[in-house]
Amino acid sequence: MEVKLLNVRSSPGSSEPDYLRVHTEPEPFDDTVVLATIERVTDRAKPGEEVTQRIRTLVARRPMPADAVLTFAMSYAARKHIPVVYADADAGAAA
């Protein structure tokens, strides 16, 4: 399955009902890794109700090599048939 990687800041919002969000931040004590958070976001709509978002955290502030963050997210998305991965500009630059 083809997975699109998009920058969070350049994308005004998601039209996809199922996507991954990738956030990274510097690890304060080790400059060889970043702290990665990867979330799966799904939109749900029951008949007669508004759409609600369900956010499931897959990885929370886990130290990872910068190049491994997007590799992991993209392979997970392909395996689970998730069409889009939104990443922070820092995550895209780091990987």
C-alpha atoms as a PDB file:
ATOM      1  CA  MET A   1       0.000   0.000   0.000  1.00  0.00           C
ATOM      2  CA  GLU A   2       1.225   3.479  -0.845  1.00  0.00           C
ATOM      3  CA  VAL A   3       1.426   5.784   2.176  1.00  0.00           C
ATOM      4  CA  LYS A   4       1.647   9.574   1.817  1.00  0.00           C
ATOM      5  CA  LEU A   5       3.954  11.511   4.135  1.00  0.00           C
ATOM      6  CA  LEU A   6       2.778  15.079   4.705  1.00  0.00           C
ATOM      7  CA  ASN A   7       4.104  17.941   6.806  1.00  0.00           C
ATOM      8  CA  VAL A   8       1.717  18.895   9.631  1.00  0.00           C
ATOM      9  CA  ARG A   9       2.366  22.628   9.233  1.00  0.00           C
ATOM     10  CA  SER A  10       1.734  22.699   5.489  1.00  0.00           C
ATOM     11  CA  SER A  11      -1.447  20.602   5.673  1.00  0.00           C
ATOM     12  CA  PRO A  12      -4.525  22.583   6.773  1.00  0.00           C
ATOM     13  CA  GLY A  13      -6.317  19.520   8.108  1.00  0.00           C
ATOM     14  CA  SER A  14      -6.975  15.944   7.273  1.00  0.00           C
ATOM     15  CA  SER A  15      -9.711  14.749   4.997  1.00  0.00           C
ATOM     16  CA  GLU A  16      -8.735  11.170   5.813  1.00  0.00           C
ATOM     17  CA  PRO A  17     -10.773   9.350   8.466  1.00  0.00           C
ATOM     18  CA  ASP A  18      -7.695   7.338   9.531  1.00  0.00           C
ATOM     19  CA  TYR A  19      -4.117   8.659   9.754  1.00  0.00           C
ATOM     20  CA  LEU A  20      -0.954   8.727  11.874  1.00  0.00           C
ATOM     21  CA  ARG A  21       0.509  11.812  13.563  1.00  0.00           C
ATOM     22  CA  VAL A  22       4.235  11.907  14.337  1.00  0.00           C
ATOM     23  CA  HIS A  23       5.749  14.353  16.837  1.00  0.00           C
ATOM     24  CA  THR A  24       9.407  14.556  17.786  1.00  0.00           C
ATOM     25  CA  GLU A  25      11.331  16.626  20.278  1.00  0.00           C
ATOM     26  CA  PRO A  26      14.996  16.724  21.222  1.00  0.00           C
ATOM     27  CA  GLU A  27      16.188  14.365  23.949  1.00  0.00           C
ATOM     28  CA  PRO A  28      17.769  16.740  26.495  1.00  0.00           C
ATOM     29  CA  PHE A  29      20.532  14.357  27.605  1.00  0.00           C
ATOM     30  CA  ASP A  30      21.372  12.519  24.371  1.00  0.00           C
ATOM     31  CA  ASP A  31      21.734  14.267  21.017  1.00  0.00           C
ATOM     32  CA  THR A  32      21.864  10.956  19.118  1.00  0.00           C
ATOM     33  CA  VAL A  33      18.136  10.294  19.647  1.00  0.00           C
ATOM     34  CA  VAL A  34      14.832  12.172  19.673  1.00  0.00           C
ATOM     35  CA  LEU A  35      11.734  11.611  21.797  1.00  0.00           C
ATOM     36  CA  ALA A  36       9.069  10.285  19.448  1.00  0.00           C
ATOM     37  CA  THR A  37       5.301  10.261  19.863  1.00  0.00           C
ATOM     38  CA  ILE A  38       3.210   8.458  17.251  1.00  0.00           C
ATOM     39  CA  GLU A  39      -0.582   8.581  17.382  1.00  0.00           C
ATOM     40  CA  ARG A  40      -3.260   6.927  15.284  1.00  0.00           C
ATOM     41  CA  VAL A  41      -6.256   9.192  14.700  1.00  0.00           C
ATOM     42  CA  THR A  42      -9.573   7.802  13.485  1.00  0.00           C
ATOM     43  CA  ASP A  43     -12.835   9.630  12.890  1.00  0.00           C
ATOM     44  CA  ARG A  44     -16.003   7.898  13.991  1.00  0.00           C
ATOM     45  CA  ALA A  45     -19.567   8.862  13.240  1.00  0.00           C
ATOM     46  CA  LYS A  46     -22.624   7.104  14.586  1.00  0.00           C
ATOM     47  CA  PRO A  47     -25.920   7.691  12.790  1.00  0.00           C
ATOM     48  CA  GLY A  48     -27.438  10.966  13.978  1.00  0.00           C
ATOM     49  CA  GLU A  49     -24.327  12.037  15.905  1.00  0.00           C
ATOM     50  CA  GLU A  50     -21.388  14.295  15.156  1.00  0.00           C
ATOM     51  CA  VAL A  51     -18.040  12.927  14.062  1.00  0.00           C
ATOM     52  CA  THR A  52     -15.708  12.253  16.967  1.00  0.00           C
ATOM     53  CA  GLN A  53     -11.984  11.643  16.831  1.00  0.00           C
ATOM     54  CA  ARG A  54     -10.407   8.692  18.559  1.00  0.00           C
ATOM     55  CA  ILE A  55      -6.707   9.125  19.287  1.00  0.00           C
ATOM     56  CA  ARG A  56      -4.672   6.076  20.189  1.00  0.00           C
ATOM     57  CA  THR A  57      -1.089   6.627  21.278  1.00  0.00           C
ATOM     58  CA  LEU A  58       1.185   4.001  19.760  1.00  0.00           C
ATOM     59  CA  VAL A  59       4.494   5.411  21.021  1.00  0.00           C
ATOM     60  CA  ALA A  60       4.798   8.053  23.763  1.00  0.00           C
ATOM     61  CA  ARG A  61       8.015  10.079  24.123  1.00  0.00           C
ATOM     62  CA  ARG A  62      10.149   7.072  23.331  1.00  0.00           C
ATOM     63  CA  PRO A  63      13.841   7.673  22.641  1.00  0.00           C
ATOM     64  CA  MET A  64      14.532   6.617  19.055  1.00  0.00           C
ATOM     65  CA  PRO A  65      17.191   7.374  16.467  1.00  0.00           C
ATOM     66  CA  ALA A  66      15.893  10.235  14.330  1.00  0.00           C
ATOM     67  CA  ASP A  67      16.010   8.216  11.112  1.00  0.00           C
ATOM     68  CA  ALA A  68      14.000   5.369  12.676  1.00  0.00           C
ATOM     69  CA  VAL A  69      10.952   7.451  13.635  1.00  0.00           C
ATOM     70  CA  LEU A  70       9.481   7.946  10.159  1.00  0.00           C
ATOM     71  CA  THR A  71      10.637   4.512   9.024  1.00  0.00           C
ATOM     72  CA  PHE A  72       8.644   2.943  11.852  1.00  0.00           C
ATOM     73  CA  ALA A  73       5.597   5.167  11.230  1.00  0.00           C
ATOM     74  CA  MET A  74       5.555   4.549   7.479  1.00  0.00           C
ATOM     75  CA  SER A  75       5.927   0.771   7.815  1.00  0.00           C
ATOM     76  CA  TYR A  76       3.203   0.629  10.492  1.00  0.00           C
ATOM     77  CA  ALA A  77       0.887   2.687   8.278  1.00  0.00           C
ATOM     78  CA  ALA A  78       1.477   0.428   5.266  1.00  0.00           C
ATOM     79  CA  ARG A  79       0.899  -2.718   7.323  1.00  0.00           C
ATOM     80  CA  LYS A  80      -2.347  -1.351   8.827  1.00  0.00           C
ATOM     81  CA  HIS A  81      -3.578   0.214   5.547  1.00  0.00           C
ATOM     82  CA  ILE A  82      -3.418   3.777   6.868  1.00  0.00           C
ATOM     83  CA  PRO A  83      -3.127   6.093   3.861  1.00  0.00           C
ATOM     84  CA  VAL A  84      -1.449   9.178   5.401  1.00  0.00           C
ATOM     85  CA  VAL A  85       1.275   9.985   7.934  1.00  0.00           C
ATOM     86  CA  TYR A  86       1.437  13.586   9.164  1.00  0.00           C
ATOM     87  CA  ALA A  87       4.815  14.515  10.643  1.00  0.00           C
ATOM     88  CA  ASP A  88       6.195  17.582  12.374  1.00  0.00           C
ATOM     89  CA  ALA A  89       8.657  19.530  10.272  1.00  0.00           C
ATOM     90  CA  ASP A  90      11.315  18.474  12.790  1.00  0.00           C
ATOM     91  CA  ALA A  91      10.510  14.780  12.258  1.00  0.00           C
ATOM     92  CA  GLY A  92      10.763  15.162   8.492  1.00  0.00           C
ATOM     93  CA  ALA A  93      14.045  17.034   8.775  1.00  0.00           C
ATOM     94  CA  ALA A  94      15.424  14.567  11.295  1.00  0.00           C
ATOM     95  CA  ALA A  95      14.709  11.530   9.160  1.00  0.00           C
END
